[in-house]
Amino acid sequence: MTPQSFSLNLGQTRSFLFGRVTLNETCINPSLLCGGIGGLLSNETNNLDVTANITFTSPLADTVQVVAATGAFTGPVADLLENIPGVSITDFFIDFEPITVDFGVGGQFVVDVGDLFFARTGSITNGGNVTLTAVPVPEPASLALFGAGLLGLGMVRRRAARRAALA
């Protein structure tokens, strides 16, 4: 994919194309196309690991790794043939969990790569979202007011300690 550049303000989301995933399973519909064999065979689920690596250059120069839960089950999941009795279509899924990435002081953004479901072989172009979720840094006036309060508490405590020492 071509590098993409974008800026975010607090609370904004930016969507981007992430990549293309292709399912090359030869027997995705076992009860229909593979001699009536039902269920999932072990070789249909043994190579489903997927990891998304997204490299950021700013605000952090690092690669963020988003791991997906993957698997297969005998459907149907919104398949055209789902209402035909005895038809079981195998569905494969790639389910990415959103991750939160910390940067700077209190800065965060969330990376959420789209989930994928396959009810037939072929390719799907996948997208993702980046959302800036940082908590705003307190304004200097707020920090000054907090500091003045701490200073006042310190003075009251010091005065009380002096009175206790004189008594």
C-alpha atoms as a PDB file:
ATOM      1  CA  MET A   1       0.000   0.000   0.000  1.00  0.00           C
ATOM      2  CA  THR A   2       1.044   3.579  -0.600  1.00  0.00           C
ATOM      3  CA  PRO A   3       1.989   5.502   2.565  1.00  0.00           C
ATOM      4  CA  GLN A   4      -0.807   7.762   3.755  1.00  0.00           C
ATOM      5  CA  SER A   5      -0.480  10.991   5.658  1.00  0.00           C
ATOM      6  CA  PHE A   6      -3.174  12.646   7.751  1.00  0.00           C
ATOM      7  CA  SER A   7      -3.614  14.860  10.800  1.00  0.00           C
ATOM      8  CA  LEU A   8      -6.094  14.336  13.607  1.00  0.00           C
ATOM      9  CA  ASN A   9      -7.573  16.610  16.232  1.00  0.00           C
ATOM     10  CA  LEU A  10      -8.833  15.274  19.531  1.00  0.00           C
ATOM     11  CA  GLY A  11     -11.759  12.882  18.982  1.00  0.00           C
ATOM     12  CA  GLN A  12     -11.393  12.742  15.204  1.00  0.00           C
ATOM     13  CA  THR A  13     -11.262   9.477  13.239  1.00  0.00           C
ATOM     14  CA  ARG A  14      -9.466   8.869   9.970  1.00  0.00           C
ATOM     15  CA  SER A  15     -10.282   5.846   7.807  1.00  0.00           C
ATOM     16  CA  PHE A  16      -7.693   4.355   5.485  1.00  0.00           C
ATOM     17  CA  LEU A  17      -7.309   1.358   3.185  1.00  0.00           C
ATOM     18  CA  PHE A  18      -5.172  -1.212   4.896  1.00  0.00           C
ATOM     19  CA  GLY A  19      -4.602  -3.992   2.413  1.00  0.00           C
ATOM     20  CA  ARG A  20      -6.007  -6.921   0.496  1.00  0.00           C
ATOM     21  CA  VAL A  21      -6.722 -10.351   1.934  1.00  0.00           C
ATOM     22  CA  THR A  22      -7.229 -13.338  -0.360  1.00  0.00           C
ATOM     23  CA  LEU A  23      -8.733 -16.664   0.674  1.00  0.00           C
ATOM     24  CA  ASN A  24      -7.482 -19.496  -1.537  1.00  0.00           C
ATOM     25  CA  GLU A  25      -9.290 -22.410   0.124  1.00  0.00           C
ATOM     26  CA  THR A  26     -10.151 -25.038  -2.481  1.00  0.00           C
ATOM     27  CA  CYS A  27     -13.062 -26.570  -0.593  1.00  0.00           C
ATOM     28  CA  ILE A  28     -14.840 -23.813   1.296  1.00  0.00           C
ATOM     29  CA  ASN A  29     -18.308 -25.360   0.810  1.00  0.00           C
ATOM     30  CA  PRO A  30     -17.714 -29.027   1.682  1.00  0.00           C
ATOM     31  CA  SER A  31     -21.333 -30.159   1.692  1.00  0.00           C
ATOM     32  CA  LEU A  32     -22.009 -28.644  -1.729  1.00  0.00           C
ATOM     33  CA  LEU A  33     -18.878 -28.948  -3.844  1.00  0.00           C
ATOM     34  CA  CYS A  34     -16.536 -31.512  -2.310  1.00  0.00           C
ATOM     35  CA  GLY A  35     -18.294 -34.832  -2.655  1.00  0.00           C
ATOM     36  CA  GLY A  36     -20.712 -34.334   0.217  1.00  0.00           C
ATOM     37  CA  ILE A  37     -18.047 -34.187   2.942  1.00  0.00           C
ATOM     38  CA  GLY A  38     -19.485 -32.277   5.862  1.00  0.00           C
ATOM     39  CA  GLY A  39     -17.773 -30.280   8.574  1.00  0.00           C
ATOM     40  CA  LEU A  40     -14.330 -28.726   8.678  1.00  0.00           C
ATOM     41  CA  LEU A  41     -11.168 -30.685   8.021  1.00  0.00           C
ATOM     42  CA  SER A  42      -8.026 -29.924  10.050  1.00  0.00           C
ATOM     43  CA  ASN A  43      -6.158 -28.695   6.973  1.00  0.00           C
ATOM     44  CA  GLU A  44      -8.859 -26.046   6.475  1.00  0.00           C
ATOM     45  CA  THR A  45      -8.030 -24.309   9.755  1.00  0.00           C
ATOM     46  CA  ASN A  46      -4.287 -24.903  10.183  1.00  0.00           C
ATOM     47  CA  ASN A  47      -2.938 -21.761   8.483  1.00  0.00           C
ATOM     48  CA  LEU A  48      -5.234 -18.912   9.470  1.00  0.00           C
ATOM     49  CA  ASP A  49      -2.933 -16.668  11.548  1.00  0.00           C
ATOM     50  CA  VAL A  50      -3.125 -13.029  10.507  1.00  0.00           C
ATOM     51  CA  THR A  51      -1.241 -10.048  11.900  1.00  0.00           C
ATOM     52  CA  ALA A  52      -1.576  -6.459  10.691  1.00  0.00           C
ATOM     53  CA  ASN A  53       1.633  -4.414  10.852  1.00  0.00           C
ATOM     54  CA  ILE A  54       1.062  -0.671  10.520  1.00  0.00           C
ATOM     55  CA  THR A  55       4.092   1.634  10.635  1.00  0.00           C
ATOM     56  CA  PHE A  56       3.611   5.128  12.025  1.00  0.00           C
ATOM     57  CA  THR A  57       6.156   7.928  11.635  1.00  0.00           C
ATOM     58  CA  SER A  58       4.419  10.498  13.820  1.00  0.00           C
ATOM     59  CA  PRO A  59       3.564  11.002  16.667  1.00  0.00           C
ATOM     60  CA  LEU A  60       5.681   7.907  17.288  1.00  0.00           C
ATOM     61  CA  ALA A  61       8.129   6.237  14.941  1.00  0.00           C
ATOM     62  CA  ASP A  62       7.153   2.605  15.451  1.00  0.00           C
ATOM     63  CA  THR A  63       5.345  -0.354  13.948  1.00  0.00           C
ATOM     64  CA  VAL A  64       2.038  -1.158  15.613  1.00  0.00           C
ATOM     65  CA  GLN A  65       1.093  -4.816  15.488  1.00  0.00           C
ATOM     66  CA  VAL A  66      -2.607  -5.682  15.510  1.00  0.00           C
ATOM     67  CA  VAL A  67      -3.249  -9.381  16.072  1.00  0.00           C
ATOM     68  CA  ALA A  68      -6.411 -11.036  14.815  1.00  0.00           C
ATOM     69  CA  ALA A  69      -8.413 -13.949  16.117  1.00  0.00           C
ATOM     70  CA  THR A  70      -9.000 -16.215  13.141  1.00  0.00           C
ATOM     71  CA  GLY A  71     -11.038 -19.311  12.540  1.00  0.00           C
ATOM     72  CA  ALA A  72     -13.601 -21.152  10.538  1.00  0.00           C
ATOM     73  CA  PHE A  73     -17.008 -22.565  11.270  1.00  0.00           C
ATOM     74  CA  THR A  74     -19.734 -24.293   9.345  1.00  0.00           C
ATOM     75  CA  GLY A  75     -22.147 -21.483   8.436  1.00  0.00           C
ATOM     76  CA  PRO A  76     -24.279 -20.030   7.253  1.00  0.00           C
ATOM     77  CA  VAL A  77     -23.446 -16.409   7.934  1.00  0.00           C
ATOM     78  CA  ALA A  78     -25.735 -14.360   5.695  1.00  0.00           C
ATOM     79  CA  ASP A  79     -25.189 -16.758   2.795  1.00  0.00           C
ATOM     80  CA  LEU A  80     -27.518 -16.838  -0.190  1.00  0.00           C
ATOM     81  CA  LEU A  81     -28.221 -20.524   0.402  1.00  0.00           C
ATOM     82  CA  GLU A  82     -28.823 -20.248   4.144  1.00  0.00           C
ATOM     83  CA  ASN A  83     -32.498 -21.200   3.936  1.00  0.00           C
ATOM     84  CA  ILE A  84     -31.966 -24.512   2.116  1.00  0.00           C
ATOM     85  CA  PRO A  85     -32.240 -27.445   4.564  1.00  0.00           C
ATOM     86  CA  GLY A  86     -29.055 -29.506   4.880  1.00  0.00           C
ATOM     87  CA  VAL A  87     -26.789 -26.882   3.317  1.00  0.00           C
ATOM     88  CA  SER A  88     -23.786 -25.999   5.454  1.00  0.00           C
ATOM     89  CA  ILE A  89     -21.428 -23.419   4.052  1.00  0.00           C
ATOM     90  CA  THR A  90     -18.042 -22.951   5.668  1.00  0.00           C
ATOM     91  CA  ASP A  91     -17.293 -19.412   6.758  1.00  0.00           C
ATOM     92  CA  PHE A  92     -13.826 -18.157   7.597  1.00  0.00           C
ATOM     93  CA  PHE A  93     -13.309 -15.077   9.740  1.00  0.00           C
ATOM     94  CA  ILE A  94     -10.537 -12.673  10.678  1.00  0.00           C
ATOM     95  CA  ASP A  95     -11.496 -10.667  13.758  1.00  0.00           C
ATOM     96  CA  PHE A  96      -9.088  -7.844  14.670  1.00  0.00           C
ATOM     97  CA  GLU A  97      -9.279  -6.402  18.173  1.00  0.00           C
ATOM     98  CA  PRO A  98      -8.831  -2.617  18.383  1.00  0.00           C
ATOM     99  CA  ILE A  99      -5.659  -1.553  20.187  1.00  0.00           C
ATOM    100  CA  THR A 100      -4.750   1.632  22.020  1.00  0.00           C
ATOM    101  CA  VAL A 101      -1.314   3.113  21.348  1.00  0.00           C
ATOM    102  CA  ASP A 102       0.242   5.485  23.903  1.00  0.00           C
ATOM    103  CA  PHE A 103       2.540   8.316  22.852  1.00  0.00           C
ATOM    104  CA  GLY A 104       3.963  11.382  24.532  1.00  0.00           C
ATOM    105  CA  VAL A 105       2.514  12.533  27.826  1.00  0.00           C
ATOM    106  CA  GLY A 106      -1.088  11.355  28.036  1.00  0.00           C
ATOM    107  CA  GLY A 107      -1.458  10.977  24.281  1.00  0.00           C
ATOM    108  CA  GLN A 108      -3.322   7.991  22.852  1.00  0.00           C
ATOM    109  CA  PHE A 109      -4.825   6.824  19.612  1.00  0.00           C
ATOM    110  CA  VAL A 110      -6.847   3.736  18.763  1.00  0.00           C
ATOM    111  CA  VAL A 111      -6.154   1.559  15.717  1.00  0.00           C
ATOM    112  CA  ASP A 112      -9.115  -0.534  14.575  1.00  0.00           C
ATOM    113  CA  VAL A 113      -8.620  -2.750  11.507  1.00  0.00           C
ATOM    114  CA  GLY A 114     -11.866  -3.997   9.954  1.00  0.00           C
ATOM    115  CA  ASP A 115     -13.025  -7.568  10.526  1.00  0.00           C
ATOM    116  CA  LEU A 116     -13.367  -9.927   7.554  1.00  0.00           C
ATOM    117  CA  PHE A 117     -15.770 -12.792   6.836  1.00  0.00           C
ATOM    118  CA  PHE A 118     -15.440 -15.167   3.881  1.00  0.00           C
ATOM    119  CA  ALA A 119     -18.263 -17.398   2.653  1.00  0.00           C
ATOM    120  CA  ARG A 120     -16.431 -18.092  -0.632  1.00  0.00           C
ATOM    121  CA  THR A 121     -12.918 -17.834  -1.989  1.00  0.00           C
ATOM    122  CA  GLY A 122     -11.624 -14.556  -3.338  1.00  0.00           C
ATOM    123  CA  SER A 123     -10.167 -11.245  -2.216  1.00  0.00           C
ATOM    124  CA  ILE A 124     -11.448  -8.534   0.083  1.00  0.00           C
ATOM    125  CA  THR A 125      -9.931  -5.058   0.399  1.00  0.00           C
ATOM    126  CA  ASN A 126      -9.782  -4.175   4.052  1.00  0.00           C
ATOM    127  CA  GLY A 127      -9.839  -0.810   5.771  1.00  0.00           C
ATOM    128  CA  GLY A 128      -9.000   0.554   9.157  1.00  0.00           C
ATOM    129  CA  ASN A 129      -9.640   3.526  11.414  1.00  0.00           C
ATOM    130  CA  VAL A 130      -7.320   5.592  13.571  1.00  0.00           C
ATOM    131  CA  THR A 131      -9.005   7.689  16.284  1.00  0.00           C
ATOM    132  CA  LEU A 132      -7.173  10.230  18.429  1.00  0.00           C
ATOM    133  CA  THR A 133      -8.308   9.694  22.024  1.00  0.00           C
ATOM    134  CA  ALA A 134      -5.787  11.786  23.981  1.00  0.00           C
ATOM    135  CA  VAL A 135      -6.932  13.552  27.110  1.00  0.00           C
ATOM    136  CA  PRO A 136      -6.259  17.283  26.727  1.00  0.00           C
ATOM    137  CA  VAL A 137      -3.370  18.625  28.784  1.00  0.00           C
ATOM    138  CA  PRO A 138      -4.605  20.943  31.571  1.00  0.00           C
ATOM    139  CA  GLU A 139      -4.261  24.642  30.844  1.00  0.00           C
ATOM    140  CA  PRO A 140      -1.554  26.592  32.720  1.00  0.00           C
ATOM    141  CA  ALA A 141      -4.196  28.516  34.705  1.00  0.00           C
ATOM    142  CA  SER A 142      -5.606  25.239  36.058  1.00  0.00           C
ATOM    143  CA  LEU A 143      -2.147  24.057  37.043  1.00  0.00           C
ATOM    144  CA  ALA A 144      -1.408  27.417  38.743  1.00  0.00           C
ATOM    145  CA  LEU A 145      -4.630  27.217  40.749  1.00  0.00           C
ATOM    146  CA  PHE A 146      -3.808  23.636  41.809  1.00  0.00           C
ATOM    147  CA  GLY A 147      -0.283  24.705  42.823  1.00  0.00           C
ATOM    148  CA  ALA A 148      -1.632  27.651  44.855  1.00  0.00           C
ATOM    149  CA  GLY A 149      -3.949  25.278  46.697  1.00  0.00           C
ATOM    150  CA  LEU A 150      -1.063  22.953  47.571  1.00  0.00           C
ATOM    151  CA  LEU A 151       1.020  25.918  48.738  1.00  0.00           C
ATOM    152  CA  GLY A 152      -1.836  27.086  50.950  1.00  0.00           C
ATOM    153  CA  LEU A 153      -2.234  23.623  52.500  1.00  0.00           C
ATOM    154  CA  GLY A 154       1.508  23.513  53.173  1.00  0.00           C
ATOM    155  CA  MET A 155       1.422  26.903  54.941  1.00  0.00           C
ATOM    156  CA  VAL A 156      -1.543  25.882  57.128  1.00  0.00           C
ATOM    157  CA  ARG A 157       0.232  22.678  58.136  1.00  0.00           C
ATOM    158  CA  ARG A 158       3.473  24.518  58.918  1.00  0.00           C
ATOM    159  CA  ARG A 159       1.615  27.064  61.103  1.00  0.00           C
ATOM    160  CA  ALA A 160      -0.138  24.237  62.978  1.00  0.00           C
ATOM    161  CA  ALA A 161       3.234  22.494  63.558  1.00  0.00           C
ATOM    162  CA  ARG A 162       4.732  25.712  64.990  1.00  0.00           C
ATOM    163  CA  ARG A 163       1.806  26.173  67.367  1.00  0.00           C
ATOM    164  CA  ALA A 164       2.110  22.584  68.517  1.00  0.00           C
ATOM    165  CA  ALA A 165       5.865  23.035  69.142  1.00  0.00           C
ATOM    166  CA  LEU A 166       5.293  26.190  71.254  1.00  0.00           C
ATOM    167  CA  ALA A 167       2.606  24.624  73.395  1.00  0.00           C
END
